Amino acid sequence: MKKSGRYTDAPKEINDALLSATKIEDFLPPPDQLIAKEETQKITIALSQRSIEFFKSAADENHIPYQQLIRKVLDNYTEHYAK
């Protein structure tokens, strides 16, 4: 038996609130415009195994590429000391 896609056991207050909801326009920019793209340059660098494991683990926990995490750390260091 196929179940209906509608939920009908909600309290009346919730049903009334959903029926009276107002649709709002999408005000966020598209994903490709949320983060400013910076010019990057590819390099070859030798890092310690310990550093690589640390950044890969931290990147996995935060669901981002580890190279992006390393780049952000270097950018923050540069911004702090370039003043």
PDB file of N, CA and C in Angstrom:
ATOM      1  N   MET A   1       0.842  -1.182   0.000  1.00  0.00           N
ATOM      2  CA  MET A   1       0.000   0.000   0.000  1.00  0.00           C
ATOM      3  C   MET A   1       0.883   1.240   0.000  1.00  0.00           C
ATOM      4  N   LYS A   2       0.622   2.144  -0.913  1.00  0.00           N
ATOM      5  CA  LYS A   2       1.388   3.372  -1.032  1.00  0.00           C
ATOM      6  C   LYS A   2       0.803   4.423  -0.105  1.00  0.00           C
ATOM      7  N   LYS A   3       1.702   5.059   0.677  1.00  0.00           N
ATOM      8  CA  LYS A   3       1.242   6.097   1.603  1.00  0.00           C
ATOM      9  C   LYS A   3       1.124   7.428   0.887  1.00  0.00           C
ATOM     10  N   SER A   4       0.195   8.216   1.346  1.00  0.00           N
ATOM     11  CA  SER A   4       0.009   9.555   0.796  1.00  0.00           C
ATOM     12  C   SER A   4       1.170  10.445   1.223  1.00  0.00           C
ATOM     13  N   GLY A   5       1.526  11.414   0.411  1.00  0.00           N
ATOM     14  CA  GLY A   5       2.601  12.345   0.718  1.00  0.00           C
ATOM     15  C   GLY A   5       2.159  13.467   1.637  1.00  0.00           C
ATOM     16  N   ARG A   6       0.893  13.498   2.023  1.00  0.00           N
ATOM     17  CA  ARG A   6       0.386  14.576   2.871  1.00  0.00           C
ATOM     18  C   ARG A   6       0.333  14.129   4.314  1.00  0.00           C
ATOM     19  N   TYR A   7       0.633  15.037   5.201  1.00  0.00           N
ATOM     20  CA  TYR A   7       0.554  14.775   6.632  1.00  0.00           C
ATOM     21  C   TYR A   7      -0.712  15.439   7.130  1.00  0.00           C
ATOM     22  N   THR A   8      -1.641  14.640   7.601  1.00  0.00           N
ATOM     23  CA  THR A   8      -2.943  15.194   7.970  1.00  0.00           C
ATOM     24  C   THR A   8      -3.203  15.179   9.471  1.00  0.00           C
ATOM     25  N   ASP A   9      -2.276  14.652  10.270  1.00  0.00           N
ATOM     26  CA  ASP A   9      -2.501  14.555  11.707  1.00  0.00           C
ATOM     27  C   ASP A   9      -1.917  15.725  12.493  1.00  0.00           C
ATOM     28  N   ALA A  10      -1.501  16.781  11.831  1.00  0.00           N
ATOM     29  CA  ALA A  10      -0.941  17.942  12.517  1.00  0.00           C
ATOM     30  C   ALA A  10      -2.045  18.683  13.264  1.00  0.00           C
ATOM     31  N   PRO A  11      -1.674  19.311  14.395  1.00  0.00           N
ATOM     32  CA  PRO A  11      -2.671  20.104  15.129  1.00  0.00           C
ATOM     33  C   PRO A  11      -3.217  21.234  14.253  1.00  0.00           C
ATOM     34  N   LYS A  12      -4.434  21.654  14.530  1.00  0.00           N
ATOM     35  CA  LYS A  12      -5.105  22.684  13.739  1.00  0.00           C
ATOM     36  C   LYS A  12      -4.280  23.968  13.673  1.00  0.00           C
ATOM     37  N   GLU A  13      -3.609  24.352  14.766  1.00  0.00           N
ATOM     38  CA  GLU A  13      -2.829  25.590  14.786  1.00  0.00           C
ATOM     39  C   GLU A  13      -1.709  25.542  13.744  1.00  0.00           C
ATOM     40  N   ILE A  14      -1.079  24.392  13.612  1.00  0.00           N
ATOM     41  CA  ILE A  14       0.015  24.256  12.647  1.00  0.00           C
ATOM     42  C   ILE A  14      -0.541  24.301  11.233  1.00  0.00           C
ATOM     43  N   ASN A  15      -1.627  23.595  10.977  1.00  0.00           N
ATOM     44  CA  ASN A  15      -2.245  23.630   9.650  1.00  0.00           C
ATOM     45  C   ASN A  15      -2.669  25.044   9.282  1.00  0.00           C
ATOM     46  N   ASP A  16      -3.263  25.769  10.236  1.00  0.00           N
ATOM     47  CA  ASP A  16      -3.689  27.143   9.968  1.00  0.00           C
ATOM     48  C   ASP A  16      -2.480  28.036   9.669  1.00  0.00           C
ATOM     49  N   ALA A  17      -1.388  27.860  10.424  1.00  0.00           N
ATOM     50  CA  ALA A  17      -0.188  28.664  10.212  1.00  0.00           C
ATOM     51  C   ALA A  17       0.406  28.385   8.840  1.00  0.00           C
ATOM     52  N   LEU A  18       0.432  27.125   8.441  1.00  0.00           N
ATOM     53  CA  LEU A  18       0.975  26.780   7.127  1.00  0.00           C
ATOM     54  C   LEU A  18       0.120  27.350   6.004  1.00  0.00           C
ATOM     55  N   LEU A  19      -1.198  27.320   6.179  1.00  0.00           N
ATOM     56  CA  LEU A  19      -2.092  27.833   5.142  1.00  0.00           C
ATOM     57  C   LEU A  19      -2.010  29.350   5.012  1.00  0.00           C
ATOM     58  N   SER A  20      -1.670  30.040   6.113  1.00  0.00           N
ATOM     59  CA  SER A  20      -1.611  31.500   6.067  1.00  0.00           C
ATOM     60  C   SER A  20      -0.183  32.017   5.840  1.00  0.00           C
ATOM     61  N   ALA A  21       0.766  31.125   5.590  1.00  0.00           N
ATOM     62  CA  ALA A  21       2.159  31.537   5.391  1.00  0.00           C
ATOM     63  C   ALA A  21       2.289  32.393   4.135  1.00  0.00           C
ATOM     64  N   THR A  22       3.223  33.332   4.176  1.00  0.00           N
ATOM     65  CA  THR A  22       3.481  34.210   3.049  1.00  0.00           C
ATOM     66  C   THR A  22       4.799  33.826   2.402  1.00  0.00           C
ATOM     67  N   LYS A  23       4.791  33.669   1.096  1.00  0.00           N
ATOM     68  CA  LYS A  23       6.009  33.339   0.373  1.00  0.00           C
ATOM     69  C   LYS A  23       6.847  34.609   0.233  1.00  0.00           C
ATOM     70  N   ILE A  24       8.155  34.478   0.522  1.00  0.00           N
ATOM     71  CA  ILE A  24       9.048  35.620   0.367  1.00  0.00           C
ATOM     72  C   ILE A  24       9.982  35.364  -0.804  1.00  0.00           C
ATOM     73  N   GLU A  25      10.429  36.428  -1.411  1.00  0.00           N
ATOM     74  CA  GLU A  25      11.336  36.311  -2.548  1.00  0.00           C
ATOM     75  C   GLU A  25      12.707  35.851  -2.069  1.00  0.00           C
ATOM     76  N   ASP A  26      13.397  35.111  -2.902  1.00  0.00           N
ATOM     77  CA  ASP A  26      14.750  34.659  -2.602  1.00  0.00           C
ATOM     78  C   ASP A  26      15.676  35.867  -2.656  1.00  0.00           C
ATOM     79  N   PHE A  27      16.369  36.161  -1.547  1.00  0.00           N
ATOM     80  CA  PHE A  27      17.219  37.348  -1.481  1.00  0.00           C
ATOM     81  C   PHE A  27      18.707  37.016  -1.482  1.00  0.00           C
ATOM     82  N   LEU A  28      19.041  35.723  -1.488  1.00  0.00           N
ATOM     83  CA  LEU A  28      20.451  35.344  -1.480  1.00  0.00           C
ATOM     84  C   LEU A  28      20.998  35.255  -2.900  1.00  0.00           C
ATOM     85  N   PRO A  29      22.265  35.624  -3.070  1.00  0.00           N
ATOM     86  CA  PRO A  29      22.877  35.467  -4.393  1.00  0.00           C
ATOM     87  C   PRO A  29      23.107  33.985  -4.679  1.00  0.00           C
ATOM     88  N   PRO A  30      23.317  33.622  -5.928  1.00  0.00           N
ATOM     89  CA  PRO A  30      23.595  32.224  -6.244  1.00  0.00           C
ATOM     90  C   PRO A  30      24.910  31.776  -5.585  1.00  0.00           C
ATOM     91  N   PRO A  31      25.073  30.462  -5.364  1.00  0.00           N
ATOM     92  CA  PRO A  31      26.251  29.963  -4.651  1.00  0.00           C
ATOM     93  C   PRO A  31      27.588  30.439  -5.224  1.00  0.00           C
ATOM     94  N   ASP A  32      27.683  30.564  -6.544  1.00  0.00           N
ATOM     95  CA  ASP A  32      28.968  30.971  -7.124  1.00  0.00           C
ATOM     96  C   ASP A  32      29.313  32.425  -6.836  1.00  0.00           C
ATOM     97  N   GLN A  33      28.362  33.181  -6.286  1.00  0.00           N
ATOM     98  CA  GLN A  33      28.633  34.582  -5.948  1.00  0.00           C
ATOM     99  C   GLN A  33      28.759  34.812  -4.438  1.00  0.00           C
ATOM    100  N   LEU A  34      28.634  33.764  -3.644  1.00  0.00           N
ATOM    101  CA  LEU A  34      28.707  33.913  -2.195  1.00  0.00           C
ATOM    102  C   LEU A  34      30.145  34.104  -1.708  1.00  0.00           C
ATOM    103  N   ILE A  35      31.093  33.469  -2.351  1.00  0.00           N
ATOM    104  CA  ILE A  35      32.485  33.559  -1.938  1.00  0.00           C
ATOM    105  C   ILE A  35      33.289  34.212  -3.058  1.00  0.00           C
ATOM    106  N   ALA A  36      33.982  35.271  -2.692  1.00  0.00           N
ATOM    107  CA  ALA A  36      34.791  35.967  -3.687  1.00  0.00           C
ATOM    108  C   ALA A  36      35.944  35.069  -4.125  1.00  0.00           C
ATOM    109  N   LYS A  37      36.126  34.942  -5.413  1.00  0.00           N
ATOM    110  CA  LYS A  37      37.215  34.122  -5.941  1.00  0.00           C
ATOM    111  C   LYS A  37      38.484  34.966  -5.982  1.00  0.00           C
ATOM    112  N   GLU A  38      39.568  34.386  -5.486  1.00  0.00           N
ATOM    113  CA  GLU A  38      40.857  35.047  -5.538  1.00  0.00           C
ATOM    114  C   GLU A  38      41.722  34.359  -6.577  1.00  0.00           C
ATOM    115  N   GLU A  39      42.614  35.119  -7.135  1.00  0.00           N
ATOM    116  CA  GLU A  39      43.551  34.532  -8.084  1.00  0.00           C
ATOM    117  C   GLU A  39      44.510  33.645  -7.308  1.00  0.00           C
ATOM    118  N   THR A  40      44.684  32.433  -7.782  1.00  0.00           N
ATOM    119  CA  THR A  40      45.590  31.497  -7.127  1.00  0.00           C
ATOM    120  C   THR A  40      46.675  31.070  -8.102  1.00  0.00           C
ATOM    121  N   GLN A  41      47.727  30.529  -7.549  1.00  0.00           N
ATOM    122  CA  GLN A  41      48.830  30.021  -8.358  1.00  0.00           C
ATOM    123  C   GLN A  41      49.228  28.675  -7.795  1.00  0.00           C
ATOM    124  N   LYS A  42      49.344  27.686  -8.658  1.00  0.00           N
ATOM    125  CA  LYS A  42      49.737  26.351  -8.217  1.00  0.00           C
ATOM    126  C   LYS A  42      51.233  26.313  -7.969  1.00  0.00           C
ATOM    127  N   ILE A  43      51.611  25.660  -6.852  1.00  0.00           N
ATOM    128  CA  ILE A  43      53.019  25.467  -6.511  1.00  0.00           C
ATOM    129  C   ILE A  43      53.205  24.029  -6.042  1.00  0.00           C
ATOM    130  N   THR A  44      54.423  23.616  -5.940  1.00  0.00           N
ATOM    131  CA  THR A  44      54.751  22.329  -5.343  1.00  0.00           C
ATOM    132  C   THR A  44      55.422  22.611  -4.013  1.00  0.00           C
ATOM    133  N   ILE A  45      54.954  21.938  -2.973  1.00  0.00           N
ATOM    134  CA  ILE A  45      55.510  22.164  -1.641  1.00  0.00           C
ATOM    135  C   ILE A  45      55.625  20.814  -0.935  1.00  0.00           C
ATOM    136  N   ALA A  46      56.677  20.644  -0.190  1.00  0.00           N
ATOM    137  CA  ALA A  46      56.863  19.427   0.607  1.00  0.00           C
ATOM    138  C   ALA A  46      56.496  19.751   2.048  1.00  0.00           C
ATOM    139  N   LEU A  47      55.521  19.048   2.584  1.00  0.00           N
ATOM    140  CA  LEU A  47      55.081  19.243   3.963  1.00  0.00           C
ATOM    141  C   LEU A  47      55.381  17.989   4.766  1.00  0.00           C
ATOM    142  N   SER A  48      55.500  18.158   6.075  1.00  0.00           N
ATOM    143  CA  SER A  48      55.726  16.987   6.930  1.00  0.00           C
ATOM    144  C   SER A  48      54.470  16.114   6.927  1.00  0.00           C
ATOM    145  N   GLN A  49      54.681  14.824   7.120  1.00  0.00           N
ATOM    146  CA  GLN A  49      53.554  13.893   7.171  1.00  0.00           C
ATOM    147  C   GLN A  49      52.599  14.283   8.289  1.00  0.00           C
ATOM    148  N   ARG A  50      53.166  14.753   9.398  1.00  0.00           N
ATOM    149  CA  ARG A  50      52.349  15.179  10.543  1.00  0.00           C
ATOM    150  C   ARG A  50      51.416  16.329  10.152  1.00  0.00           C
ATOM    151  N   SER A  51      51.935  17.313   9.432  1.00  0.00           N
ATOM    152  CA  SER A  51      51.109  18.452   9.000  1.00  0.00           C
ATOM    153  C   SER A  51      50.023  18.005   8.037  1.00  0.00           C
ATOM    154  N   ILE A  52      50.371  17.161   7.095  1.00  0.00           N
ATOM    155  CA  ILE A  52      49.390  16.690   6.117  1.00  0.00           C
ATOM    156  C   ILE A  52      48.258  15.943   6.812  1.00  0.00           C
ATOM    157  N   GLU A  53      48.612  15.058   7.740  1.00  0.00           N
ATOM    158  CA  GLU A  53      47.587  14.306   8.473  1.00  0.00           C
ATOM    159  C   GLU A  53      46.693  15.236   9.282  1.00  0.00           C
ATOM    160  N   PHE A  54      47.304  16.259   9.909  1.00  0.00           N
ATOM    161  CA  PHE A  54      46.516  17.218  10.685  1.00  0.00           C
ATOM    162  C   PHE A  54      45.509  17.948   9.795  1.00  0.00           C
ATOM    163  N   PHE A  55      45.984  18.494   8.673  1.00  0.00           N
ATOM    164  CA  PHE A  55      45.092  19.259   7.802  1.00  0.00           C
ATOM    165  C   PHE A  55      44.033  18.375   7.159  1.00  0.00           C
ATOM    166  N   LYS A  56      44.381  17.164   6.776  1.00  0.00           N
ATOM    167  CA  LYS A  56      43.390  16.257   6.196  1.00  0.00           C
ATOM    168  C   LYS A  56      42.310  15.901   7.217  1.00  0.00           C
ATOM    169  N   SER A  57      42.719  15.659   8.459  1.00  0.00           N
ATOM    170  CA  SER A  57      41.755  15.331   9.506  1.00  0.00           C
ATOM    171  C   SER A  57      40.831  16.518   9.802  1.00  0.00           C
ATOM    172  N   ALA A  58      41.421  17.702   9.940  1.00  0.00           N
ATOM    173  CA  ALA A  58      40.621  18.909  10.202  1.00  0.00           C
ATOM    174  C   ALA A  58      39.683  19.207   9.038  1.00  0.00           C
ATOM    175  N   ALA A  59      40.155  18.997   7.829  1.00  0.00           N
ATOM    176  CA  ALA A  59      39.328  19.245   6.644  1.00  0.00           C
ATOM    177  C   ALA A  59      38.160  18.262   6.576  1.00  0.00           C
ATOM    178  N   ASP A  60      38.423  16.988   6.907  1.00  0.00           N
ATOM    179  CA  ASP A  60      37.339  15.995   6.925  1.00  0.00           C
ATOM    180  C   ASP A  60      36.263  16.371   7.934  1.00  0.00           C
ATOM    181  N   GLU A  61      36.687  16.819   9.120  1.00  0.00           N
ATOM    182  CA  GLU A  61      35.732  17.201  10.169  1.00  0.00           C
ATOM    183  C   GLU A  61      34.862  18.386   9.734  1.00  0.00           C
ATOM    184  N   ASN A  62      35.431  19.255   8.917  1.00  0.00           N
ATOM    185  CA  ASN A  62      34.713  20.462   8.491  1.00  0.00           C
ATOM    186  C   ASN A  62      34.169  20.370   7.072  1.00  0.00           C
ATOM    187  N   HIS A  63      34.325  19.215   6.448  1.00  0.00           N
ATOM    188  CA  HIS A  63      33.776  18.945   5.111  1.00  0.00           C
ATOM    189  C   HIS A  63      34.261  19.947   4.058  1.00  0.00           C
ATOM    190  N   ILE A  64      35.568  20.205   4.082  1.00  0.00           N
ATOM    191  CA  ILE A  64      36.179  21.081   3.080  1.00  0.00           C
ATOM    192  C   ILE A  64      37.448  20.413   2.557  1.00  0.00           C
ATOM    193  N   PRO A  65      37.906  20.773   1.378  1.00  0.00           N
ATOM    194  CA  PRO A  65      39.157  20.210   0.873  1.00  0.00           C
ATOM    195  C   PRO A  65      40.344  20.666   1.721  1.00  0.00           C
ATOM    196  N   TYR A  66      41.286  19.751   1.962  1.00  0.00           N
ATOM    197  CA  TYR A  66      42.400  20.098   2.839  1.00  0.00           C
ATOM    198  C   TYR A  66      43.293  21.174   2.235  1.00  0.00           C
ATOM    199  N   GLN A  67      43.403  21.218   0.897  1.00  0.00           N
ATOM    200  CA  GLN A  67      44.219  22.271   0.287  1.00  0.00           C
ATOM    201  C   GLN A  67      43.624  23.652   0.568  1.00  0.00           C
ATOM    202  N   GLN A  68      42.305  23.723   0.570  1.00  0.00           N
ATOM    203  CA  GLN A  68      41.626  24.991   0.854  1.00  0.00           C
ATOM    204  C   GLN A  68      41.900  25.419   2.295  1.00  0.00           C
ATOM    205  N   LEU A  69      41.933  24.469   3.206  1.00  0.00           N
ATOM    206  CA  LEU A  69      42.223  24.772   4.603  1.00  0.00           C
ATOM    207  C   LEU A  69      43.657  25.277   4.765  1.00  0.00           C
ATOM    208  N   ILE A  70      44.602  24.618   4.119  1.00  0.00           N
ATOM    209  CA  ILE A  70      46.005  25.063   4.176  1.00  0.00           C
ATOM    210  C   ILE A  70      46.130  26.467   3.592  1.00  0.00           C
ATOM    211  N   ARG A  71      45.469  26.719   2.462  1.00  0.00           N
ATOM    212  CA  ARG A  71      45.521  28.040   1.826  1.00  0.00           C
ATOM    213  C   ARG A  71      44.974  29.108   2.764  1.00  0.00           C
ATOM    214  N   LYS A  72      43.883  28.803   3.477  1.00  0.00           N
ATOM    215  CA  LYS A  72      43.281  29.780   4.385  1.00  0.00           C
ATOM    216  C   LYS A  72      44.226  30.095   5.546  1.00  0.00           C
ATOM    217  N   VAL A  73      44.895  29.085   6.078  1.00  0.00           N
ATOM    218  CA  VAL A  73      45.855  29.311   7.160  1.00  0.00           C
ATOM    219  C   VAL A  73      46.982  30.217   6.679  1.00  0.00           C
ATOM    220  N   LEU A  74      47.511  29.935   5.497  1.00  0.00           N
ATOM    221  CA  LEU A  74      48.584  30.768   4.946  1.00  0.00           C
ATOM    222  C   LEU A  74      48.098  32.190   4.663  1.00  0.00           C
ATOM    223  N   ASP A  75      46.879  32.329   4.151  1.00  0.00           N
ATOM    224  CA  ASP A  75      46.320  33.662   3.894  1.00  0.00           C
ATOM    225  C   ASP A  75      46.175  34.452   5.192  1.00  0.00           C
ATOM    226  N   ASN A  76      45.689  33.795   6.254  1.00  0.00           N
ATOM    227  CA  ASN A  76      45.541  34.471   7.546  1.00  0.00           C
ATOM    228  C   ASN A  76      46.897  34.898   8.100  1.00  0.00           C
ATOM    229  N   TYR A  77      47.891  34.040   7.973  1.00  0.00           N
ATOM    230  CA  TYR A  77      49.246  34.364   8.436  1.00  0.00           C
ATOM    231  C   TYR A  77      49.785  35.571   7.663  1.00  0.00           C
ATOM    232  N   THR A  78      49.610  35.537   6.353  1.00  0.00           N
ATOM    233  CA  THR A  78      50.079  36.639   5.501  1.00  0.00           C
ATOM    234  C   THR A  78      49.391  37.950   5.873  1.00  0.00           C
ATOM    235  N   GLU A  79      48.071  37.904   6.053  1.00  0.00           N
ATOM    236  CA  GLU A  79      47.324  39.118   6.387  1.00  0.00           C
ATOM    237  C   GLU A  79      47.800  39.692   7.729  1.00  0.00           C
ATOM    238  N   HIS A  80      48.091  38.836   8.673  1.00  0.00           N
ATOM    239  CA  HIS A  80      48.513  39.293  10.008  1.00  0.00           C
ATOM    240  C   HIS A  80      49.894  39.958   9.952  1.00  0.00           C
ATOM    241  N   TYR A  81      50.834  39.343   9.241  1.00  0.00           N
ATOM    242  CA  TYR A  81      52.211  39.838   9.263  1.00  0.00           C
ATOM    243  C   TYR A  81      52.556  40.785   8.125  1.00  0.00           C
ATOM    244  N   ALA A  82      51.681  40.990   7.175  1.00  0.00           N
ATOM    245  CA  ALA A  82      51.971  41.892   6.062  1.00  0.00           C
ATOM    246  C   ALA A  82      51.637  43.347   6.398  1.00  0.00           C
ATOM    247  N   LYS A  83      51.155  43.586   7.577  1.00  0.00           N
ATOM    248  CA  LYS A  83      50.762  44.951   7.965  1.00  0.00           C
ATOM    249  C   LYS A  83      51.967  45.826   8.215  1.00  0.00           C
TER     250      LYS A  83
END
